[in-house]
Amino acid sequence: MWLKMLGSLMVLFSGTALGWINANRYNLRVKNLRELQLAINLFNTEIIYQQTILADALKKTAVGTEAPVSNLFTDASKILAAKREKIFSDIWDQVIKKYRYELDLKKDTLKVLQEWAQQIGSSDLTAQRKINEMTLNKLTACEEKAVKAAEKKVKLYRYSGVLMSLLLIILFY
């Protein structure tokens, strides 16, 4: 009898934990998108107002943000500093692929970041400011989509974790 109760509690707790873990992915995506927007703003300040070179601007942007977004900018800065002959968009694509799953980014957000990287350093400061503003607007739209998805799915996953574990308990009891 006690063994069944203990097993039921383990199933309930593990099912609930799985539901919370899956739900947390949606909240993490929103957090990472907001952190990316902050990073683009910091980068914009470094490039436009401080007129810092690209590798240093990426490094300073990494300092002002939290992981995993800071890891993205740190790695890009290190690779760019080590291999100056490489094109920034290629470096950025390489780093994005490395941190894609850690950042939990959707294809539309990846496309926005890749487009941004292709345009970095190819224009004057005024055009660069506009590119950064357009990127921020696109990231804001991605964030709004992520917030809507989180509002819908977070409760769903949390409740489904509990309910599925209760279903298993009922079936096996």
C-alpha atoms as a PDB file:
ATOM      1  CA  MET A   1       0.000   0.000   0.000  1.00  0.00           C
ATOM      2  CA  TRP A   2       2.774   2.431   0.955  1.00  0.00           C
ATOM      3  CA  LEU A   3       4.708   1.464  -2.127  1.00  0.00           C
ATOM      4  CA  LYS A   4       1.759   2.364  -4.347  1.00  0.00           C
ATOM      5  CA  MET A   5       1.370   5.710  -2.569  1.00  0.00           C
ATOM      6  CA  LEU A   6       5.068   6.449  -2.955  1.00  0.00           C
ATOM      7  CA  GLY A   7       4.970   5.480  -6.635  1.00  0.00           C
ATOM      8  CA  SER A   8       1.880   7.639  -7.177  1.00  0.00           C
ATOM      9  CA  LEU A   9       3.576  10.634  -5.573  1.00  0.00           C
ATOM     10  CA  MET A  10       6.680  10.128  -7.727  1.00  0.00           C
ATOM     11  CA  VAL A  11       4.550   9.972 -10.889  1.00  0.00           C
ATOM     12  CA  LEU A  12       2.639  13.083  -9.817  1.00  0.00           C
ATOM     13  CA  PHE A  13       5.761  15.082  -9.024  1.00  0.00           C
ATOM     14  CA  SER A  14       7.613  14.024 -12.171  1.00  0.00           C
ATOM     15  CA  GLY A  15       4.612  14.730 -14.417  1.00  0.00           C
ATOM     16  CA  THR A  16       4.145  18.116 -12.796  1.00  0.00           C
ATOM     17  CA  ALA A  17       7.851  18.885 -13.192  1.00  0.00           C
ATOM     18  CA  LEU A  18       7.765  17.974 -16.889  1.00  0.00           C
ATOM     19  CA  GLY A  19       4.781  20.258 -17.398  1.00  0.00           C
ATOM     20  CA  TRP A  20       6.548  23.135 -15.664  1.00  0.00           C
ATOM     21  CA  ILE A  21       9.757  22.571 -17.607  1.00  0.00           C
ATOM     22  CA  ASN A  22       7.939  22.645 -20.945  1.00  0.00           C
ATOM     23  CA  ALA A  23       5.966  25.734 -19.887  1.00  0.00           C
ATOM     24  CA  ASN A  24       9.149  27.482 -18.791  1.00  0.00           C
ATOM     25  CA  ARG A  25      10.519  27.306 -22.339  1.00  0.00           C
ATOM     26  CA  TYR A  26       7.898  29.819 -23.450  1.00  0.00           C
ATOM     27  CA  ASN A  27       8.748  32.239 -20.652  1.00  0.00           C
ATOM     28  CA  LEU A  28      12.444  31.827 -21.411  1.00  0.00           C
ATOM     29  CA  ARG A  29      11.884  32.684 -25.078  1.00  0.00           C
ATOM     30  CA  VAL A  30      10.221  35.964 -24.069  1.00  0.00           C
ATOM     31  CA  LYS A  31      13.062  36.749 -21.664  1.00  0.00           C
ATOM     32  CA  ASN A  32      15.699  36.027 -24.316  1.00  0.00           C
ATOM     33  CA  LEU A  33      13.921  38.187 -26.901  1.00  0.00           C
ATOM     34  CA  ARG A  34      13.846  41.094 -24.449  1.00  0.00           C
ATOM     35  CA  GLU A  35      17.511  40.539 -23.697  1.00  0.00           C
ATOM     36  CA  LEU A  36      18.284  40.548 -27.445  1.00  0.00           C
ATOM     37  CA  GLN A  37      16.501  43.876 -27.779  1.00  0.00           C
ATOM     38  CA  LEU A  38      18.587  45.267 -24.933  1.00  0.00           C
ATOM     39  CA  ALA A  39      21.711  43.926 -26.612  1.00  0.00           C
ATOM     40  CA  ILE A  40      20.858  45.589 -29.946  1.00  0.00           C
ATOM     41  CA  ASN A  41      20.235  48.879 -28.095  1.00  0.00           C
ATOM     42  CA  LEU A  42      23.590  48.611 -26.318  1.00  0.00           C
ATOM     43  CA  PHE A  43      25.297  47.693 -29.568  1.00  0.00           C
ATOM     44  CA  ASN A  44      23.639  50.661 -31.276  1.00  0.00           C
ATOM     45  CA  THR A  45      24.943  52.997 -28.561  1.00  0.00           C
ATOM     46  CA  GLU A  46      28.462  51.627 -28.886  1.00  0.00           C
ATOM     47  CA  ILE A  47      28.522  51.881 -32.679  1.00  0.00           C
ATOM     48  CA  ILE A  48      26.659  55.148 -33.211  1.00  0.00           C
ATOM     49  CA  TYR A  49      27.616  57.307 -30.231  1.00  0.00           C
ATOM     50  CA  GLN A  50      30.876  55.805 -28.977  1.00  0.00           C
ATOM     51  CA  GLN A  51      31.995  54.850 -32.505  1.00  0.00           C
ATOM     52  CA  THR A  52      33.624  51.718 -31.132  1.00  0.00           C
ATOM     53  CA  ILE A  53      35.066  49.158 -33.536  1.00  0.00           C
ATOM     54  CA  LEU A  54      32.904  46.091 -34.113  1.00  0.00           C
ATOM     55  CA  ALA A  55      34.797  43.530 -32.000  1.00  0.00           C
ATOM     56  CA  ASP A  56      34.947  45.887 -29.007  1.00  0.00           C
ATOM     57  CA  ALA A  57      31.301  46.904 -29.421  1.00  0.00           C
ATOM     58  CA  LEU A  58      30.299  43.240 -29.339  1.00  0.00           C
ATOM     59  CA  LYS A  59      32.410  42.687 -26.211  1.00  0.00           C
ATOM     60  CA  LYS A  60      30.882  45.697 -24.435  1.00  0.00           C
ATOM     61  CA  THR A  61      27.414  44.572 -25.455  1.00  0.00           C
ATOM     62  CA  ALA A  62      28.103  41.171 -23.914  1.00  0.00           C
ATOM     63  CA  VAL A  63      29.084  42.828 -20.635  1.00  0.00           C
ATOM     64  CA  GLY A  64      25.748  44.662 -20.474  1.00  0.00           C
ATOM     65  CA  THR A  65      23.574  41.602 -21.072  1.00  0.00           C
ATOM     66  CA  GLU A  66      22.826  38.321 -19.347  1.00  0.00           C
ATOM     67  CA  ALA A  67      23.572  34.797 -20.503  1.00  0.00           C
ATOM     68  CA  PRO A  68      22.849  33.205 -22.955  1.00  0.00           C
ATOM     69  CA  VAL A  69      22.616  36.424 -25.005  1.00  0.00           C
ATOM     70  CA  SER A  70      25.903  37.650 -23.575  1.00  0.00           C
ATOM     71  CA  ASN A  71      27.538  34.372 -24.671  1.00  0.00           C
ATOM     72  CA  LEU A  72      26.372  35.060 -28.216  1.00  0.00           C
ATOM     73  CA  PHE A  73      28.071  38.464 -28.318  1.00  0.00           C
ATOM     74  CA  THR A  74      31.165  37.295 -26.421  1.00  0.00           C
ATOM     75  CA  ASP A  75      31.817  34.442 -28.836  1.00  0.00           C
ATOM     76  CA  ALA A  76      31.219  36.662 -31.863  1.00  0.00           C
ATOM     77  CA  SER A  77      33.657  39.213 -30.450  1.00  0.00           C
ATOM     78  CA  LYS A  78      36.342  36.597 -29.777  1.00  0.00           C
ATOM     79  CA  ILE A  79      36.039  35.017 -33.223  1.00  0.00           C
ATOM     80  CA  LEU A  80      36.027  38.416 -34.943  1.00  0.00           C
ATOM     81  CA  ALA A  81      39.104  39.546 -33.008  1.00  0.00           C
ATOM     82  CA  ALA A  82      40.948  36.311 -33.835  1.00  0.00           C
ATOM     83  CA  LYS A  83      39.931  36.096 -37.493  1.00  0.00           C
ATOM     84  CA  ARG A  84      39.665  39.623 -38.839  1.00  0.00           C
ATOM     85  CA  GLU A  85      39.539  38.423 -42.455  1.00  0.00           C
ATOM     86  CA  LYS A  86      36.227  36.627 -41.887  1.00  0.00           C
ATOM     87  CA  ILE A  87      32.965  38.319 -42.765  1.00  0.00           C
ATOM     88  CA  PHE A  88      30.882  39.267 -39.726  1.00  0.00           C
ATOM     89  CA  SER A  89      27.693  37.658 -41.059  1.00  0.00           C
ATOM     90  CA  ASP A  90      29.514  34.312 -41.365  1.00  0.00           C
ATOM     91  CA  ILE A  91      30.803  34.611 -37.801  1.00  0.00           C
ATOM     92  CA  TRP A  92      27.337  35.578 -36.559  1.00  0.00           C
ATOM     93  CA  ASP A  93      25.717  32.628 -38.341  1.00  0.00           C
ATOM     94  CA  GLN A  94      28.270  30.292 -36.755  1.00  0.00           C
ATOM     95  CA  VAL A  95      27.603  31.694 -33.267  1.00  0.00           C
ATOM     96  CA  ILE A  96      23.811  31.704 -33.757  1.00  0.00           C
ATOM     97  CA  LYS A  97      23.933  28.025 -34.747  1.00  0.00           C
ATOM     98  CA  LYS A  98      25.925  27.286 -31.595  1.00  0.00           C
ATOM     99  CA  TYR A  99      23.453  29.002 -29.244  1.00  0.00           C
ATOM    100  CA  ARG A 100      20.227  28.454 -31.167  1.00  0.00           C
ATOM    101  CA  TYR A 101      18.759  25.865 -28.825  1.00  0.00           C
ATOM    102  CA  GLU A 102      20.038  27.541 -25.684  1.00  0.00           C
ATOM    103  CA  LEU A 103      18.301  30.767 -26.736  1.00  0.00           C
ATOM    104  CA  ASP A 104      15.224  28.811 -27.885  1.00  0.00           C
ATOM    105  CA  LEU A 105      14.712  31.023 -30.923  1.00  0.00           C
ATOM    106  CA  LYS A 106      12.156  30.483 -33.658  1.00  0.00           C
ATOM    107  CA  LYS A 107      12.986  30.657 -37.361  1.00  0.00           C
ATOM    108  CA  ASP A 108      11.559  34.174 -37.760  1.00  0.00           C
ATOM    109  CA  THR A 109      13.813  35.512 -35.002  1.00  0.00           C
ATOM    110  CA  LEU A 110      16.835  33.722 -36.446  1.00  0.00           C
ATOM    111  CA  LYS A 111      16.079  35.301 -39.816  1.00  0.00           C
ATOM    112  CA  VAL A 112      15.886  38.767 -38.241  1.00  0.00           C
ATOM    113  CA  LEU A 113      19.251  38.272 -36.533  1.00  0.00           C
ATOM    114  CA  GLN A 114      20.864  36.931 -39.705  1.00  0.00           C
ATOM    115  CA  GLU A 115      19.558  39.875 -41.753  1.00  0.00           C
ATOM    116  CA  TRP A 116      20.887  42.257 -39.116  1.00  0.00           C
ATOM    117  CA  ALA A 117      24.331  40.646 -39.237  1.00  0.00           C
ATOM    118  CA  GLN A 118      24.480  40.876 -43.020  1.00  0.00           C
ATOM    119  CA  GLN A 119      23.945  44.635 -42.864  1.00  0.00           C
ATOM    120  CA  ILE A 120      26.347  45.433 -40.020  1.00  0.00           C
ATOM    121  CA  GLY A 121      29.291  47.515 -41.137  1.00  0.00           C
ATOM    122  CA  SER A 122      28.105  47.880 -44.724  1.00  0.00           C
ATOM    123  CA  SER A 123      26.790  51.436 -44.372  1.00  0.00           C
ATOM    124  CA  ASP A 124      27.367  54.776 -42.696  1.00  0.00           C
ATOM    125  CA  LEU A 125      26.287  55.600 -39.129  1.00  0.00           C
ATOM    126  CA  THR A 126      22.891  57.040 -40.097  1.00  0.00           C
ATOM    127  CA  ALA A 127      21.959  53.969 -42.108  1.00  0.00           C
ATOM    128  CA  GLN A 128      23.355  51.760 -39.358  1.00  0.00           C
ATOM    129  CA  ARG A 129      21.064  53.451 -36.830  1.00  0.00           C
ATOM    130  CA  LYS A 130      18.078  52.799 -39.110  1.00  0.00           C
ATOM    131  CA  ILE A 131      19.094  49.161 -39.550  1.00  0.00           C
ATOM    132  CA  ASN A 132      19.309  48.739 -35.783  1.00  0.00           C
ATOM    133  CA  GLU A 133      15.912  50.418 -35.297  1.00  0.00           C
ATOM    134  CA  MET A 134      14.324  48.160 -37.917  1.00  0.00           C
ATOM    135  CA  THR A 135      15.859  45.134 -36.237  1.00  0.00           C
ATOM    136  CA  LEU A 136      14.515  46.288 -32.879  1.00  0.00           C
ATOM    137  CA  ASN A 137      11.039  46.708 -34.395  1.00  0.00           C
ATOM    138  CA  LYS A 138      11.183  43.198 -35.842  1.00  0.00           C
ATOM    139  CA  LEU A 139      12.395  41.764 -32.525  1.00  0.00           C
ATOM    140  CA  THR A 140       9.559  43.579 -30.761  1.00  0.00           C
ATOM    141  CA  ALA A 141       7.089  41.934 -33.131  1.00  0.00           C
ATOM    142  CA  CYS A 142       8.699  38.549 -32.428  1.00  0.00           C
ATOM    143  CA  GLU A 143       8.454  39.263 -28.703  1.00  0.00           C
ATOM    144  CA  GLU A 144       4.754  40.089 -29.003  1.00  0.00           C
ATOM    145  CA  LYS A 145       4.173  36.769 -30.769  1.00  0.00           C
ATOM    146  CA  ALA A 146       6.145  34.970 -28.072  1.00  0.00           C
ATOM    147  CA  VAL A 147       4.155  36.672 -25.299  1.00  0.00           C
ATOM    148  CA  LYS A 148       0.882  35.636 -26.932  1.00  0.00           C
ATOM    149  CA  ALA A 149       2.131  32.072 -27.320  1.00  0.00           C
ATOM    150  CA  ALA A 150       3.296  32.051 -23.702  1.00  0.00           C
ATOM    151  CA  GLU A 151      -0.079  33.289 -22.483  1.00  0.00           C
ATOM    152  CA  LYS A 152      -1.775  30.430 -24.304  1.00  0.00           C
ATOM    153  CA  LYS A 153       0.655  27.610 -23.708  1.00  0.00           C
ATOM    154  CA  VAL A 154       2.130  28.106 -20.241  1.00  0.00           C
ATOM    155  CA  LYS A 155      -1.028  27.189 -18.353  1.00  0.00           C
ATOM    156  CA  LEU A 156      -1.779  24.438 -20.847  1.00  0.00           C
ATOM    157  CA  TYR A 157       1.557  22.695 -20.272  1.00  0.00           C
ATOM    158  CA  ARG A 158       1.475  23.169 -16.512  1.00  0.00           C
ATOM    159  CA  TYR A 159      -2.015  21.738 -16.191  1.00  0.00           C
ATOM    160  CA  SER A 160      -1.404  18.977 -18.697  1.00  0.00           C
ATOM    161  CA  GLY A 161       1.647  17.794 -16.733  1.00  0.00           C
ATOM    162  CA  VAL A 162      -0.438  17.456 -13.597  1.00  0.00           C
ATOM    163  CA  LEU A 163      -3.438  15.956 -15.374  1.00  0.00           C
ATOM    164  CA  MET A 164      -1.440  13.416 -17.362  1.00  0.00           C
ATOM    165  CA  SER A 165       0.330  12.241 -14.234  1.00  0.00           C
ATOM    166  CA  LEU A 166      -3.041  11.945 -12.454  1.00  0.00           C
ATOM    167  CA  LEU A 167      -4.350   9.949 -15.418  1.00  0.00           C
ATOM    168  CA  LEU A 168      -1.395   7.563 -15.149  1.00  0.00           C
ATOM    169  CA  ILE A 169      -1.977   7.177 -11.435  1.00  0.00           C
ATOM    170  CA  ILE A 170      -5.646   6.363 -11.999  1.00  0.00           C
ATOM    171  CA  LEU A 171      -4.849   3.904 -14.793  1.00  0.00           C
ATOM    172  CA  PHE A 172      -2.220   2.015 -12.794  1.00  0.00           C
ATOM    173  CA  TYR A 173      -3.873   2.187  -9.376  1.00  0.00           C
END
